[in-house]
């Protein structure tokens, strides 16, 4: 049961990666999986064929540590991190354009949130949970901006 949960999470995250990066379901690619320990590896390894089938992968290789190579896409999942080469999977120019648009949108959203929180009348008169909700949104948006900037930097280095 626990092994199935890891398999399910890895497949879900690979599908999310495909969706976010415009990689068609019909495109197969190799995957390297670095687990958070031997226990996770021992749960996933027997299901390699199932993983390849469900996530439409060429091969799966298990390693002790994830590569920090910027030309690899990183897919985080409950049991560790999986990597795959970006080259040939995505149109880098198109993806950079999409990420830059998303980054501009996120920056605009952050500006609006910060404007609202800078308004003393809003902070004083709004219910505390509403103000906290805006603060939480600000932090989540800042985090998303950092993620987008990292993705752009990675793609620009290819």
Protein backbone atom coordinates (compact mmCIF):
# COMPACT_ATOMS: atom_id res chain seq x y z
CA UNK A 1 0.00 0.00 0.00
CA UNK A 2 2.81 2.40 0.91
CA UNK A 3 4.70 1.39 -2.25
CA UNK A 4 1.64 2.14 -4.35
CA UNK A 5 1.45 5.61 -2.77
CA UNK A 6 5.02 6.34 -3.88
CA UNK A 7 4.34 5.02 -7.38
CA UNK A 8 1.18 7.09 -7.62
CA UNK A 9 2.94 10.26 -6.41
CA UNK A 10 5.84 9.85 -8.84
CA UNK A 11 3.48 9.26 -11.78
CA UNK A 12 1.37 12.28 -10.76
CA UNK A 13 4.44 14.52 -10.58
CA UNK A 14 5.74 13.30 -13.95
CA UNK A 15 2.35 14.04 -15.50
CA UNK A 16 2.42 17.48 -13.88
CA UNK A 17 5.89 18.04 -15.36
CA UNK A 18 4.58 17.05 -18.80
CA UNK A 19 1.61 19.40 -18.48
CA UNK A 20 3.62 22.38 -17.23
CA UNK A 21 6.26 21.98 -19.93
CA UNK A 22 4.05 21.06 -22.86
CA UNK A 23 5.53 17.58 -23.24
CA UNK A 24 3.03 15.38 -25.07
CA UNK A 25 1.92 12.17 -23.39
CA UNK A 26 3.12 10.28 -26.46
CA UNK A 27 6.73 11.45 -25.97
CA UNK A 28 8.85 9.00 -24.01
CA UNK A 29 11.99 9.97 -22.11
CA UNK A 30 14.47 8.45 -19.65
CA UNK A 31 14.15 9.15 -15.93
CA UNK A 32 16.74 8.99 -13.18
CA UNK A 33 15.34 8.65 -9.67
CA UNK A 34 17.23 9.54 -6.49
CA UNK A 35 15.23 8.37 -3.49
CA UNK A 36 15.33 9.71 0.06
CA UNK A 37 16.76 6.42 1.25
CA UNK A 38 16.94 2.72 0.57
CA UNK A 39 13.41 2.12 1.86
CA UNK A 40 11.84 4.31 -0.84
CA UNK A 41 14.08 2.77 -3.50
CA UNK A 42 13.14 -0.74 -2.41
CA UNK A 43 9.46 0.19 -2.70
CA UNK A 44 9.78 1.75 -6.17
CA UNK A 45 12.27 -0.52 -7.93
CA UNK A 46 9.98 -3.57 -8.20
CA UNK A 47 7.43 -1.35 -9.98
CA UNK A 48 9.77 -0.06 -12.70
CA UNK A 49 7.72 -1.62 -15.51
CA UNK A 50 4.50 -0.18 -14.10
CA UNK A 51 6.08 3.27 -13.71
CA UNK A 52 7.36 3.19 -17.29
CA UNK A 53 3.91 2.22 -18.51
CA UNK A 54 1.87 4.69 -16.46
CA UNK A 55 4.22 7.66 -17.03
CA UNK A 56 5.23 6.66 -20.59
CA UNK A 57 8.96 6.55 -19.86
CA UNK A 58 11.79 4.96 -21.87
CA UNK A 59 13.76 3.79 -18.86
CA UNK A 60 14.11 4.39 -15.14
CA UNK A 61 17.48 4.37 -13.44
CA UNK A 62 17.90 4.59 -9.68
CA UNK A 63 20.82 6.50 -8.12
CA UNK A 64 21.91 7.47 -4.63
CA UNK A 65 21.96 11.24 -5.25
CA UNK A 66 20.21 13.58 -7.65
CA UNK A 67 22.34 15.38 -10.20
CA UNK A 68 22.61 19.16 -9.92
CA UNK A 69 23.15 19.49 -13.68
CA UNK A 70 21.14 22.55 -14.85
CA UNK A 71 20.32 20.86 -18.16
CA UNK A 72 18.15 18.35 -16.28
CA UNK A 73 14.54 18.91 -15.29
CA UNK A 74 13.89 18.11 -11.64
CA UNK A 75 10.64 16.46 -10.57
CA UNK A 76 10.12 16.39 -6.81
CA UNK A 77 7.96 13.66 -5.36
CA UNK A 78 7.23 12.19 -1.94
CA UNK A 79 10.11 9.70 -2.06
CA UNK A 80 12.85 11.88 -3.54
CA UNK A 81 13.66 13.63 -6.80
CA UNK A 82 13.61 12.45 -10.40
CA UNK A 83 15.58 14.06 -13.22
CA UNK A 84 15.42 13.95 -17.00
CA UNK A 85 17.30 15.79 -19.75
CA UNK A 86 15.42 18.85 -21.02
CA UNK A 87 17.12 18.89 -24.42
CA UNK A 88 14.74 17.62 -27.06
CA UNK A 89 11.77 17.50 -24.69
CA UNK A 90 10.72 21.12 -24.80
CA UNK A 91 11.00 24.07 -27.17
CA UNK A 92 13.27 26.23 -25.02
CA UNK A 93 12.44 29.50 -26.79
CA UNK A 94 8.69 28.91 -26.50
CA UNK A 95 8.98 27.81 -22.87
CA UNK A 96 11.05 30.89 -21.97
CA UNK A 97 8.41 33.12 -23.53
CA UNK A 98 5.64 31.38 -21.56
CA UNK A 99 7.60 31.57 -18.29
CA UNK A 100 8.38 35.27 -18.79
CA UNK A 101 4.69 36.02 -19.33
CA UNK A 102 3.80 34.07 -16.20
CA UNK A 103 6.54 35.91 -14.28
CA UNK A 104 5.21 39.30 -15.40
CA UNK A 105 1.71 38.27 -14.31
CA UNK A 106 2.99 37.10 -10.90
CA UNK A 107 4.93 40.35 -10.40
CA UNK A 108 1.79 42.35 -11.20
CA UNK A 109 -0.19 40.29 -8.71
CA UNK A 110 2.50 40.84 -6.06
CA UNK A 111 2.44 44.59 -6.69
CA UNK A 112 -1.32 44.64 -6.16
CA UNK A 113 -1.12 42.59 -2.97
CA UNK A 114 1.65 44.77 -1.57
CA UNK A 115 -0.36 47.88 -2.45
CA UNK A 116 -3.34 46.52 -0.54
CA UNK A 117 -1.18 45.64 2.48
CA UNK A 118 0.48 49.08 2.38
CA UNK A 119 -2.96 50.69 2.69
CA UNK A 120 -3.32 51.44 6.41
CA UNK A 121 -7.10 51.69 6.11
CA UNK A 122 -7.29 48.15 4.72
CA UNK A 123 -4.99 46.72 7.38
CA UNK A 124 -6.85 48.54 10.20
CA UNK A 125 -10.42 47.88 9.05
CA UNK A 126 -10.30 44.45 7.41
CA UNK A 127 -10.84 41.35 9.54
CA UNK A 128 -7.57 39.86 10.79
CA UNK A 129 -8.09 36.64 8.80
CA UNK A 130 -8.51 38.62 5.58
CA UNK A 131 -5.31 40.58 6.22
CA UNK A 132 -3.48 37.35 7.07
CA UNK A 133 -4.85 35.78 3.90
CA UNK A 134 -3.33 38.62 1.87
CA UNK A 135 -0.01 38.21 3.68
CA UNK A 136 -0.08 34.49 2.91
CA UNK A 137 -0.89 35.22 -0.75
CA UNK A 138 2.04 37.66 -0.84
CA UNK A 139 4.44 34.99 0.45
CA UNK A 140 3.10 32.35 -1.94
CA UNK A 141 3.42 34.78 -4.84
CA UNK A 142 6.99 35.67 -3.85
CA UNK A 143 7.80 31.96 -3.76
CA UNK A 144 6.25 31.43 -7.18
CA UNK A 145 8.26 34.37 -8.58
CA UNK A 146 11.48 32.83 -7.24
CA UNK A 147 10.57 29.46 -8.80
CA UNK A 148 9.84 31.09 -12.16
CA UNK A 149 13.10 33.04 -12.05
CA UNK A 150 14.98 29.80 -11.32
CA UNK A 151 13.25 28.04 -14.21
CA UNK A 152 14.09 30.91 -16.57
CA UNK A 153 17.73 30.93 -15.45
CA UNK A 154 17.94 27.17 -15.98
CA UNK A 155 16.46 27.34 -19.47
CA UNK A 156 18.66 30.29 -20.46
CA UNK A 157 21.72 28.20 -19.57
CA UNK A 158 20.78 25.45 -22.05
